[in-house]
Protein backbone atom coordinates (compact mmCIF):
# COMPACT_ATOMS: atom_id res chain seq x y z
CA UNK A 1 -25.40 -9.19 8.90
CA UNK A 2 -27.78 -10.90 6.48
CA UNK A 3 -26.57 -13.97 4.65
CA UNK A 4 -25.54 -13.60 1.03
CA UNK A 5 -26.71 -15.87 -1.79
CA UNK A 6 -24.40 -18.66 -2.98
CA UNK A 7 -21.61 -17.33 -5.17
CA UNK A 8 -21.93 -13.81 -3.77
CA UNK A 9 -19.89 -11.88 -1.23
CA UNK A 10 -20.39 -8.60 0.62
CA UNK A 11 -18.47 -5.67 -0.83
CA UNK A 12 -16.63 -4.37 1.07
CA UNK A 13 -16.00 -6.77 3.95
CA UNK A 14 -13.61 -4.83 6.17
CA UNK A 15 -10.53 -6.60 7.51
CA UNK A 16 -11.07 -5.09 10.96
CA UNK A 17 -14.64 -6.39 11.18
CA UNK A 18 -16.14 -2.91 11.48
CA UNK A 19 -19.51 -2.34 9.81
CA UNK A 20 -19.60 -0.37 6.57
CA UNK A 21 -21.96 2.44 5.69
CA UNK A 22 -22.95 0.95 2.33
CA UNK A 23 -22.45 -2.69 1.37
CA UNK A 24 -23.42 -4.60 -1.74
CA UNK A 25 -23.68 -8.28 -2.61
CA UNK A 26 -21.43 -8.92 -5.58
CA UNK A 27 -20.13 -11.92 -7.50
CA UNK A 28 -16.43 -12.75 -7.38
CA UNK A 29 -16.14 -11.50 -10.98
CA UNK A 30 -17.68 -8.14 -10.02
CA UNK A 31 -15.29 -7.93 -7.07
CA UNK A 32 -12.30 -8.49 -9.35
CA UNK A 33 -13.61 -5.90 -11.82
CA UNK A 34 -13.97 -3.32 -9.05
CA UNK A 35 -10.44 -3.98 -7.84
CA UNK A 36 -9.06 -3.56 -11.35
CA UNK A 37 -10.99 -0.27 -11.56
CA UNK A 38 -9.50 0.93 -8.25
CA UNK A 39 -12.86 1.06 -6.51
CA UNK A 40 -12.40 3.32 -3.50
CA UNK A 41 -13.57 0.82 -0.84
CA UNK A 42 -11.45 -2.15 -1.92
CA UNK A 43 -8.34 -1.18 0.06
CA UNK A 44 -10.11 -2.03 3.35
CA UNK A 45 -11.67 -5.29 2.15
CA UNK A 46 -10.65 -8.84 3.09
CA UNK A 47 -11.09 -9.83 -0.56
CA UNK A 48 -8.49 -7.29 -1.73
CA UNK A 49 -5.89 -9.10 -3.87
CA UNK A 50 -3.15 -6.64 -2.87
CA UNK A 51 -3.23 -7.90 0.73
CA UNK A 52 -1.71 -11.21 -0.38
CA UNK A 53 -1.08 -13.71 2.43
CA UNK A 54 -2.72 -11.54 5.10
CA UNK A 55 -6.17 -12.20 3.65
CA UNK A 56 -8.20 -15.10 4.91
CA UNK A 57 -10.29 -16.22 7.82
CA UNK A 58 -7.94 -14.60 10.32
CA UNK A 59 -7.34 -11.25 8.58
CA UNK A 60 -9.31 -9.31 11.20
CA UNK A 61 -7.28 -10.86 14.02
CA UNK A 62 -4.02 -10.11 12.23
CA UNK A 63 -5.00 -6.48 11.74
CA UNK A 64 -6.18 -6.16 15.35
CA UNK A 65 -2.77 -7.35 16.57
CA UNK A 66 -1.02 -4.77 14.39
CA UNK A 67 -3.35 -1.86 15.17
CA UNK A 68 -2.03 -0.96 18.66
CA UNK A 69 1.56 -0.94 17.42
CA UNK A 70 0.73 1.34 14.50
CA UNK A 71 -0.86 4.07 16.64
CA UNK A 72 1.29 7.17 16.94
CA UNK A 73 0.91 9.42 19.94
CA UNK A 74 1.02 13.14 19.33
CA UNK A 75 1.75 15.30 22.23
């Protein structure tokens, strides 16, 4: 992934590390504005305020550990 300019972040940056179809470089203020406006991609983003303590450098690892346990088998 290309580097972002200082003061910018990629929106969205998924917690599971998967690539996104469309990403934008935004400022932290733009990110906050999008979250307040319930932007449809924010719920999967590491910068999502609603994730609380789960967010951070290790958010992808935390989600990966939870993912197998959350799968439901249908059969």
